[in-house]
Every structure is written in structure tokens, then in C-alpha cells.
Amino acid sequence: MKNITILTIGLLLTQLSFAQNSYRFGLKAASNFGWLSGTDKTSENGGTTVGLAYGLMGEYALNASYGIHAELLLSKVNSKMNLLSEQVFTKDPDNDTVTGLKYNYTIQYLEIPICMKFNTKEIGNLVYYGNFGFSPGFALNARASISGDIPTEIANLDPTDYRVNDNEGDNFTLDNFDDRVFLFRFPLVIGGGVEYRMAGNTSLQAGIRYANSFTDMFVKDKTVDAKNNYFALSIGVLF
């Protein structure tokens, strides 16, 4: 009976140790390179811009080869857009037309990436991995600025036609205004990287990720369609 009790306690301790080793948590930082895709005939992508992200990450290993990877990130995703359509501003007695307006967006998201993570066998102290999943995000703050060949008399008017979204009602300046970006963003993400095993369960991770958004960047009262995507380079530590 005593031997059975000792064996039972040993099995429970082994299972508890395995469960503890299955969970890992850590910190992550990333730089992303964002651009707009899916723009319609009234606009075009204005180039790639750099943003930053940081936050927490965690993993649950289902076995040595794969598991679930989740993050909680505060991300700044930037993008540029060129408006191709003419904007006409009426100021009696003349009508003024502005073309070639350029928008620069800075959007802060709370992102919650959830992925399946696939690991290779350990090669020395290195493990290579790939991941695939989705990354719902919620816009916490969205600002825009406008540049272009804008006459001074028009720039001082507070013209709502400069904005992609109508009926905003907020204070307007060319270098800082709220353009009513859609609250929710839903991209699929795919990526990979390398993990360097350090002491104990501590690992150093470096990776790359592509986030391809399926949701329109703007709210429904829009005059253009666009999706903001990015590539990200990251580094983090898991404990």
C-alpha cells in the first residue's frame, strides 16, 4: 500500500511538472512596415511607413512539435495614401480645386494575435518555428495629416472635403485630425522565426510576420476603400 501511495504521488508530481513546463510567458517588441492595399480608383498606396509594437506573449505546448501562441500588443500601424480625385472648394466668387492630396495615417491598435505554432526539433540550442493564425485588433487612437499643393486660403477654411470620411464635426488642422478609422481590424497572420534556448526554460525569440487585413480601414460613410497591412520584425524573451 505504501509503495502504491509513493507511486501515485510520483505520477502526480510528474504530471504537475509537465503542466508547468507547458506554459511559458514573456515580453515582445516589434517594428512593422505598413502600407495600404485594396485601394479603389479614387486613391492609391502612398508608400511604406514604419511603426512599433510591444507587449506580452504566452505559449501553451500541446507537445514538442506544436502548440498555441497568443499575444497582447499595443501596436502603432502607420500608412500613407494619395487621393487621386479632385477636391473642389467654393469660396465666392471663385471655385478652387486641389489635386494630389497626400494622407499620412497613424493608428494605435490593441492587437490580440492567436496562432498555432509549429516547432522543429532542437538543433544545437536553436529551434526554428512557423506560425499561422489571426490577429483581431481594436483602434484606440487614429490620427491623420495631409500634405500637398494646398493654397493658404483653403488650408485655413477647415474644409471637410479634405477628409476621407464626411460629417466628422471635429476640430480640423492639416497636420492633426481624426479621420474616423474603423474601430475593428481583422487580419490573418503568417510568419516564422528562430528560438535560442538559454538557461532553463528561458528562450530568446526573433521572428518575422505578415499581417493581411480583411477589413476596410474606414467606417461605412467613406468615399474610399483601403486595407492596412504590414510586415513585422520582432524580438522577445520567453520564460
C-alpha atoms as a PDB file:
ATOM      1  CA  MET A   1       0.000   0.000   0.000  1.00  0.00           C
ATOM      2  CA  LYS A   2       2.846   2.309   0.886  1.00  0.00           C
ATOM      3  CA  ASN A   3       4.539   1.618  -2.456  1.00  0.00           C
ATOM      4  CA  ILE A   4       1.294   2.362  -4.334  1.00  0.00           C
ATOM      5  CA  THR A   5       0.913   5.673  -2.484  1.00  0.00           C
ATOM      6  CA  ILE A   6       4.500   6.704  -3.278  1.00  0.00           C
ATOM      7  CA  LEU A   7       3.997   5.740  -6.936  1.00  0.00           C
ATOM      8  CA  THR A   8       0.755   7.757  -7.117  1.00  0.00           C
ATOM      9  CA  ILE A   9       2.427  10.845  -5.609  1.00  0.00           C
ATOM     10  CA  GLY A  10       5.316  10.453  -8.041  1.00  0.00           C
ATOM     11  CA  LEU A  11       2.957  10.330 -11.031  1.00  0.00           C
ATOM     12  CA  LEU A  12       1.076  13.428  -9.824  1.00  0.00           C
ATOM     13  CA  LEU A  13       4.315  15.349  -9.374  1.00  0.00           C
ATOM     14  CA  THR A  14       5.438  14.325 -12.863  1.00  0.00           C
ATOM     15  CA  GLN A  15       2.146  15.496 -14.406  1.00  0.00           C
ATOM     16  CA  LEU A  16       2.299  18.773 -12.467  1.00  0.00           C
ATOM     17  CA  SER A  17       5.857  19.372 -13.633  1.00  0.00           C
ATOM     18  CA  PHE A  18       4.841  18.692 -17.256  1.00  0.00           C
ATOM     19  CA  ALA A  19       1.882  21.091 -16.960  1.00  0.00           C
ATOM     20  CA  GLN A  20       4.116  23.831 -15.586  1.00  0.00           C
ATOM     21  CA  ASN A  21       6.599  23.336 -18.421  1.00  0.00           C
ATOM     22  CA  SER A  22       3.765  23.539 -20.963  1.00  0.00           C
ATOM     23  CA  TYR A  23       3.102  27.198 -20.169  1.00  0.00           C
ATOM     24  CA  ARG A  24       5.562  29.965 -20.927  1.00  0.00           C
ATOM     25  CA  PHE A  25       5.181  33.721 -20.778  1.00  0.00           C
ATOM     26  CA  GLY A  26       7.351  36.584 -21.913  1.00  0.00           C
ATOM     27  CA  LEU A  27       7.826  40.049 -23.374  1.00  0.00           C
ATOM     28  CA  LYS A  28       7.931  41.118 -27.018  1.00  0.00           C
ATOM     29  CA  ALA A  29       8.821  44.183 -29.095  1.00  0.00           C
ATOM     30  CA  ALA A  30       8.472  44.629 -32.869  1.00  0.00           C
ATOM     31  CA  SER A  31       8.866  47.114 -35.674  1.00  0.00           C
ATOM     32  CA  ASN A  32       6.362  46.935 -38.527  1.00  0.00           C
ATOM     33  CA  PHE A  33       6.361  48.241 -42.090  1.00  0.00           C
ATOM     34  CA  GLY A  34       2.847  49.231 -43.092  1.00  0.00           C
ATOM     35  CA  TRP A  35       1.136  50.081 -46.364  1.00  0.00           C
ATOM     36  CA  LEU A  36      -2.355  50.280 -47.864  1.00  0.00           C
ATOM     37  CA  SER A  37      -3.788  47.701 -50.249  1.00  0.00           C
ATOM     38  CA  GLY A  38      -7.128  47.244 -51.986  1.00  0.00           C
ATOM     39  CA  THR A  39      -7.482  50.940 -52.707  1.00  0.00           C
ATOM     40  CA  ASP A  40     -10.099  51.913 -55.291  1.00  0.00           C
ATOM     41  CA  LYS A  41      -9.796  54.225 -58.298  1.00  0.00           C
ATOM     42  CA  THR A  42     -10.039  57.335 -56.131  1.00  0.00           C
ATOM     43  CA  SER A  43      -6.861  56.575 -54.154  1.00  0.00           C
ATOM     44  CA  GLU A  44      -3.555  54.722 -54.197  1.00  0.00           C
ATOM     45  CA  ASN A  45      -0.937  53.471 -51.736  1.00  0.00           C
ATOM     46  CA  GLY A  46       1.457  56.266 -50.812  1.00  0.00           C
ATOM     47  CA  GLY A  47       4.397  54.117 -49.702  1.00  0.00           C
ATOM     48  CA  THR A  48       5.642  52.092 -46.754  1.00  0.00           C
ATOM     49  CA  THR A  49       5.938  53.545 -43.261  1.00  0.00           C
ATOM     50  CA  VAL A  50       7.427  52.256 -40.013  1.00  0.00           C
ATOM     51  CA  GLY A  51       5.518  51.590 -36.785  1.00  0.00           C
ATOM     52  CA  LEU A  52       6.256  49.967 -33.422  1.00  0.00           C
ATOM     53  CA  ALA A  53       4.617  47.413 -31.128  1.00  0.00           C
ATOM     54  CA  TYR A  54       5.277  45.992 -27.679  1.00  0.00           C
ATOM     55  CA  GLY A  55       3.522  43.811 -25.151  1.00  0.00           C
ATOM     56  CA  LEU A  56       3.150  40.350 -23.650  1.00  0.00           C
ATOM     57  CA  MET A  57       3.208  36.890 -25.211  1.00  0.00           C
ATOM     58  CA  GLY A  58       2.494  33.385 -23.987  1.00  0.00           C
ATOM     59  CA  GLU A  59       2.630  29.816 -25.231  1.00  0.00           C
ATOM     60  CA  TYR A  60       0.968  26.547 -24.377  1.00  0.00           C
ATOM     61  CA  ALA A  61       2.781  23.494 -25.761  1.00  0.00           C
ATOM     62  CA  LEU A  62       0.450  20.691 -26.833  1.00  0.00           C
ATOM     63  CA  ASN A  63       3.547  18.581 -27.488  1.00  0.00           C
ATOM     64  CA  ALA A  64       7.169  19.130 -28.537  1.00  0.00           C
ATOM     65  CA  SER A  65       6.185  19.889 -32.151  1.00  0.00           C
ATOM     66  CA  TYR A  66       3.305  22.346 -31.888  1.00  0.00           C
ATOM     67  CA  GLY A  67       1.267  24.490 -29.548  1.00  0.00           C
ATOM     68  CA  ILE A  68      -0.786  27.657 -29.161  1.00  0.00           C
ATOM     69  CA  HIS A  69       0.856  31.090 -29.189  1.00  0.00           C
ATOM     70  CA  ALA A  70      -1.014  34.236 -28.049  1.00  0.00           C
ATOM     71  CA  GLU A  71      -0.034  37.879 -27.565  1.00  0.00           C
ATOM     72  CA  LEU A  72      -1.385  41.132 -26.182  1.00  0.00           C
ATOM     73  CA  LEU A  73       0.220  44.012 -28.069  1.00  0.00           C
ATOM     74  CA  LEU A  74      -0.041  47.769 -28.175  1.00  0.00           C
ATOM     75  CA  SER A  75       0.721  48.437 -31.845  1.00  0.00           C
ATOM     76  CA  LYS A  76       1.171  51.597 -33.866  1.00  0.00           C
ATOM     77  CA  VAL A  77       0.407  50.889 -37.539  1.00  0.00           C
ATOM     78  CA  ASN A  78       1.216  53.716 -39.957  1.00  0.00           C
ATOM     79  CA  SER A  79       0.282  54.061 -43.617  1.00  0.00           C
ATOM     80  CA  LYS A  80       0.153  56.584 -46.470  1.00  0.00           C
ATOM     81  CA  MET A  81      -2.482  57.245 -49.120  1.00  0.00           C
ATOM     82  CA  ASN A  82      -2.630  59.512 -52.165  1.00  0.00           C
ATOM     83  CA  LEU A  83      -6.089  60.830 -53.050  1.00  0.00           C
ATOM     84  CA  LEU A  84      -6.485  60.791 -56.840  1.00  0.00           C
ATOM     85  CA  SER A  85      -9.827  62.559 -57.131  1.00  0.00           C
ATOM     86  CA  GLU A  86     -10.068  66.349 -57.345  1.00  0.00           C
ATOM     87  CA  GLN A  87     -11.358  68.260 -54.338  1.00  0.00           C
ATOM     88  CA  VAL A  88     -13.333  71.425 -55.154  1.00  0.00           C
ATOM     89  CA  PHE A  89     -13.767  74.182 -52.564  1.00  0.00           C
ATOM     90  CA  THR A  90     -16.213  77.006 -53.176  1.00  0.00           C
ATOM     91  CA  LYS A  91     -15.138  80.422 -51.992  1.00  0.00           C
ATOM     92  CA  ASP A  92     -17.096  83.205 -53.652  1.00  0.00           C
ATOM     93  CA  PRO A  93     -16.543  84.419 -56.244  1.00  0.00           C
ATOM     94  CA  ASP A  94     -14.110  81.679 -57.314  1.00  0.00           C
ATOM     95  CA  ASN A  95     -14.041  77.888 -57.188  1.00  0.00           C
ATOM     96  CA  ASP A  96     -10.726  76.435 -56.028  1.00  0.00           C
ATOM     97  CA  THR A  97      -9.669  72.909 -56.987  1.00  0.00           C
ATOM     98  CA  VAL A  98      -6.987  70.893 -55.187  1.00  0.00           C
ATOM     99  CA  THR A  99      -5.457  67.694 -56.571  1.00  0.00           C
ATOM    100  CA  GLY A 100      -2.804  65.304 -55.331  1.00  0.00           C
ATOM    101  CA  LEU A 101      -3.639  65.356 -51.620  1.00  0.00           C
ATOM    102  CA  LYS A 102      -1.425  63.007 -49.574  1.00  0.00           C
ATOM    103  CA  TYR A 103      -2.618  61.426 -46.333  1.00  0.00           C
ATOM    104  CA  ASN A 104      -0.418  60.062 -43.563  1.00  0.00           C
ATOM    105  CA  TYR A 105      -2.222  57.867 -41.007  1.00  0.00           C
ATOM    106  CA  THR A 106      -1.038  56.923 -37.516  1.00  0.00           C
ATOM    107  CA  ILE A 107      -3.291  54.344 -35.842  1.00  0.00           C
ATOM    108  CA  GLN A 108      -2.778  52.747 -32.448  1.00  0.00           C
ATOM    109  CA  TYR A 109      -4.323  49.291 -32.036  1.00  0.00           C
ATOM    110  CA  LEU A 110      -4.756  46.864 -29.188  1.00  0.00           C
ATOM    111  CA  GLU A 111      -3.919  43.616 -31.001  1.00  0.00           C
ATOM    112  CA  ILE A 112      -4.596  40.066 -29.762  1.00  0.00           C
ATOM    113  CA  PRO A 113      -2.768  37.644 -32.102  1.00  0.00           C
ATOM    114  CA  ILE A 114      -3.695  33.976 -31.622  1.00  0.00           C
ATOM    115  CA  CYS A 115      -1.718  31.430 -33.662  1.00  0.00           C
ATOM    116  CA  MET A 116      -0.781  27.804 -33.984  1.00  0.00           C
ATOM    117  CA  LYS A 117       2.976  27.478 -33.563  1.00  0.00           C
ATOM    118  CA  PHE A 118       4.937  24.641 -35.199  1.00  0.00           C
ATOM    119  CA  ASN A 119       8.448  23.790 -33.985  1.00  0.00           C
ATOM    120  CA  THR A 120      11.339  21.834 -35.458  1.00  0.00           C
ATOM    121  CA  LYS A 121      13.461  19.550 -33.327  1.00  0.00           C
ATOM    122  CA  GLU A 122      16.165  21.308 -31.365  1.00  0.00           C
ATOM    123  CA  ILE A 123      19.324  21.817 -33.451  1.00  0.00           C
ATOM    124  CA  GLY A 124      22.072  22.698 -31.014  1.00  0.00           C
ATOM    125  CA  ASN A 125      20.436  25.412 -28.942  1.00  0.00           C
ATOM    126  CA  LEU A 126      18.189  26.540 -31.805  1.00  0.00           C
ATOM    127  CA  VAL A 127      14.586  25.712 -32.639  1.00  0.00           C
ATOM    128  CA  TYR A 128      13.002  27.014 -35.846  1.00  0.00           C
ATOM    129  CA  TYR A 129       9.274  27.700 -35.857  1.00  0.00           C
ATOM    130  CA  GLY A 130       6.400  28.805 -38.031  1.00  0.00           C
ATOM    131  CA  ASN A 131       3.031  30.165 -37.010  1.00  0.00           C
ATOM    132  CA  PHE A 132      -0.342  30.822 -38.580  1.00  0.00           C
ATOM    133  CA  GLY A 133      -3.484  32.397 -37.159  1.00  0.00           C
ATOM    134  CA  PHE A 134      -5.395  35.644 -36.845  1.00  0.00           C
ATOM    135  CA  SER A 135      -4.864  38.933 -35.043  1.00  0.00           C
ATOM    136  CA  PRO A 136      -8.018  40.890 -34.156  1.00  0.00           C
ATOM    137  CA  GLY A 137      -7.274  44.498 -33.296  1.00  0.00           C
ATOM    138  CA  PHE A 138      -9.193  47.416 -31.811  1.00  0.00           C
ATOM    139  CA  ALA A 139      -8.306  51.003 -32.703  1.00  0.00           C
ATOM    140  CA  LEU A 140      -7.509  53.049 -29.602  1.00  0.00           C
ATOM    141  CA  ASN A 141      -6.447  56.210 -31.395  1.00  0.00           C
ATOM    142  CA  ALA A 142      -6.361  57.314 -35.043  1.00  0.00           C
ATOM    143  CA  ARG A 143      -4.821  60.497 -36.375  1.00  0.00           C
ATOM    144  CA  ALA A 144      -4.126  61.765 -39.888  1.00  0.00           C
ATOM    145  CA  SER A 145      -2.240  64.578 -41.564  1.00  0.00           C
ATOM    146  CA  ILE A 146      -2.488  65.998 -45.082  1.00  0.00           C
ATOM    147  CA  SER A 147       0.165  67.413 -47.360  1.00  0.00           C
ATOM    148  CA  GLY A 148       0.150  68.585 -50.968  1.00  0.00           C
ATOM    149  CA  ASP A 149      -0.165  71.735 -53.055  1.00  0.00           C
ATOM    150  CA  ILE A 150      -2.784  73.425 -50.889  1.00  0.00           C
ATOM    151  CA  PRO A 151      -3.469  77.184 -51.264  1.00  0.00           C
ATOM    152  CA  THR A 152      -3.268  79.045 -47.953  1.00  0.00           C
ATOM    153  CA  GLU A 153      -6.784  80.460 -48.264  1.00  0.00           C
ATOM    154  CA  ILE A 154      -8.151  76.911 -48.498  1.00  0.00           C
ATOM    155  CA  ALA A 155      -5.943  75.441 -45.784  1.00  0.00           C
ATOM    156  CA  ASN A 156      -7.379  77.978 -43.327  1.00  0.00           C
ATOM    157  CA  LEU A 157     -11.036  77.173 -44.099  1.00  0.00           C
ATOM    158  CA  ASP A 158     -11.476  73.911 -42.133  1.00  0.00           C
ATOM    159  CA  PRO A 159     -12.684  72.125 -45.308  1.00  0.00           C
ATOM    160  CA  THR A 160     -14.419  68.817 -44.525  1.00  0.00           C
ATOM    161  CA  ASP A 161     -13.899  67.672 -48.102  1.00  0.00           C
ATOM    162  CA  TYR A 162     -10.232  67.129 -47.314  1.00  0.00           C
ATOM    163  CA  ARG A 163     -11.225  64.193 -45.159  1.00  0.00           C
ATOM    164  CA  VAL A 164     -11.919  60.699 -46.397  1.00  0.00           C
ATOM    165  CA  ASN A 165     -14.982  60.471 -44.136  1.00  0.00           C
ATOM    166  CA  ASP A 166     -17.788  63.020 -44.251  1.00  0.00           C
ATOM    167  CA  ASN A 167     -19.730  64.627 -41.389  1.00  0.00           C
ATOM    168  CA  GLU A 168     -16.900  64.433 -38.873  1.00  0.00           C
ATOM    169  CA  GLY A 169     -17.648  67.514 -36.810  1.00  0.00           C
ATOM    170  CA  ASP A 170     -14.256  67.511 -35.068  1.00  0.00           C
ATOM    171  CA  ASN A 171     -11.657  70.261 -34.951  1.00  0.00           C
ATOM    172  CA  PHE A 172      -9.583  70.217 -38.111  1.00  0.00           C
ATOM    173  CA  THR A 173      -5.978  71.095 -38.847  1.00  0.00           C
ATOM    174  CA  LEU A 174      -3.956  69.832 -41.789  1.00  0.00           C
ATOM    175  CA  ASP A 175      -1.340  68.152 -39.607  1.00  0.00           C
ATOM    176  CA  ASN A 176      -3.545  66.535 -36.965  1.00  0.00           C
ATOM    177  CA  PHE A 177      -7.165  65.361 -37.174  1.00  0.00           C
ATOM    178  CA  ASP A 178      -9.337  62.330 -36.521  1.00  0.00           C
ATOM    179  CA  ASP A 179     -10.419  60.673 -39.780  1.00  0.00           C
ATOM    180  CA  ARG A 180     -12.845  58.122 -38.303  1.00  0.00           C
ATOM    181  CA  VAL A 181     -10.887  54.954 -38.894  1.00  0.00           C
ATOM    182  CA  PHE A 182     -12.953  51.794 -38.388  1.00  0.00           C
ATOM    183  CA  LEU A 183     -12.756  50.502 -34.802  1.00  0.00           C
ATOM    184  CA  PHE A 184     -12.123  46.839 -35.661  1.00  0.00           C
ATOM    185  CA  ARG A 185      -9.316  45.282 -37.716  1.00  0.00           C
ATOM    186  CA  PHE A 186      -9.130  41.572 -38.562  1.00  0.00           C
ATOM    187  CA  PRO A 187      -6.030  40.263 -40.389  1.00  0.00           C
ATOM    188  CA  LEU A 188      -4.735  36.768 -40.956  1.00  0.00           C
ATOM    189  CA  VAL A 189      -1.114  36.413 -39.882  1.00  0.00           C
ATOM    190  CA  ILE A 190       1.631  34.067 -41.012  1.00  0.00           C
ATOM    191  CA  GLY A 191       5.266  34.057 -40.009  1.00  0.00           C
ATOM    192  CA  GLY A 192       8.209  32.234 -38.580  1.00  0.00           C
ATOM    193  CA  GLY A 193      11.486  32.641 -36.803  1.00  0.00           C
ATOM    194  CA  VAL A 194      14.140  31.135 -34.604  1.00  0.00           C
ATOM    195  CA  GLU A 195      14.281  30.468 -30.870  1.00  0.00           C
ATOM    196  CA  TYR A 196      17.546  30.279 -28.944  1.00  0.00           C
ATOM    197  CA  ARG A 197      17.361  28.099 -25.853  1.00  0.00           C
ATOM    198  CA  MET A 198      19.094  29.773 -22.926  1.00  0.00           C
ATOM    199  CA  ALA A 199      19.222  28.607 -19.297  1.00  0.00           C
ATOM    200  CA  GLY A 200      16.273  26.520 -18.083  1.00  0.00           C
ATOM    201  CA  ASN A 201      13.017  27.420 -19.845  1.00  0.00           C
ATOM    202  CA  THR A 202      14.263  30.871 -20.892  1.00  0.00           C
ATOM    203  CA  SER A 203      14.453  31.444 -24.635  1.00  0.00           C
ATOM    204  CA  LEU A 204      15.291  34.355 -26.906  1.00  0.00           C
ATOM    205  CA  GLN A 205      12.987  34.646 -29.936  1.00  0.00           C
ATOM    206  CA  ALA A 206      13.374  36.535 -33.202  1.00  0.00           C
ATOM    207  CA  GLY A 207      10.793  36.382 -35.966  1.00  0.00           C
ATOM    208  CA  ILE A 208       9.038  37.861 -38.978  1.00  0.00           C
ATOM    209  CA  ARG A 209       5.288  38.164 -39.532  1.00  0.00           C
ATOM    210  CA  TYR A 210       2.963  39.209 -42.344  1.00  0.00           C
ATOM    211  CA  ALA A 211      -0.477  40.573 -41.376  1.00  0.00           C
ATOM    212  CA  ASN A 212      -3.010  40.669 -44.217  1.00  0.00           C
ATOM    213  CA  SER A 213      -6.150  42.562 -43.216  1.00  0.00           C
ATOM    214  CA  PHE A 214      -9.618  41.589 -44.463  1.00  0.00           C
ATOM    215  CA  THR A 215     -11.470  44.580 -43.037  1.00  0.00           C
ATOM    216  CA  ASP A 216     -11.800  48.042 -44.535  1.00  0.00           C
ATOM    217  CA  MET A 217      -9.752  50.675 -42.742  1.00  0.00           C
ATOM    218  CA  PHE A 218     -12.547  53.271 -42.851  1.00  0.00           C
ATOM    219  CA  VAL A 219     -16.072  53.465 -41.456  1.00  0.00           C
ATOM    220  CA  LYS A 220     -19.114  52.990 -43.690  1.00  0.00           C
ATOM    221  CA  ASP A 221     -19.617  56.678 -44.562  1.00  0.00           C
ATOM    222  CA  LYS A 222     -16.445  56.551 -46.619  1.00  0.00           C
ATOM    223  CA  THR A 223     -15.512  57.768 -50.073  1.00  0.00           C
ATOM    224  CA  VAL A 224     -12.540  55.383 -50.485  1.00  0.00           C
ATOM    225  CA  ASP A 225     -11.765  51.734 -49.689  1.00  0.00           C
ATOM    226  CA  ALA A 226      -8.422  50.613 -48.293  1.00  0.00           C
ATOM    227  CA  LYS A 227      -6.884  47.938 -46.048  1.00  0.00           C
ATOM    228  CA  ASN A 228      -3.786  48.494 -43.923  1.00  0.00           C
ATOM    229  CA  ASN A 229      -1.291  45.610 -43.925  1.00  0.00           C
ATOM    230  CA  TYR A 230       2.213  45.194 -42.551  1.00  0.00           C
ATOM    231  CA  PHE A 231       5.352  43.094 -42.245  1.00  0.00           C
ATOM    232  CA  ALA A 232       6.827  42.971 -38.745  1.00  0.00           C
ATOM    233  CA  LEU A 233      10.254  42.071 -37.362  1.00  0.00           C
ATOM    234  CA  SER A 234      10.176  41.080 -33.698  1.00  0.00           C
ATOM    235  CA  ILE A 235      12.355  40.084 -30.781  1.00  0.00           C
ATOM    236  CA  GLY A 236      11.235  38.714 -27.433  1.00  0.00           C
ATOM    237  CA  VAL A 237      12.074  36.675 -24.366  1.00  0.00           C
ATOM    238  CA  LEU A 238      10.087  33.694 -23.067  1.00  0.00           C
ATOM    239  CA  PHE A 239      10.482  32.446 -19.505  1.00  0.00           C
END
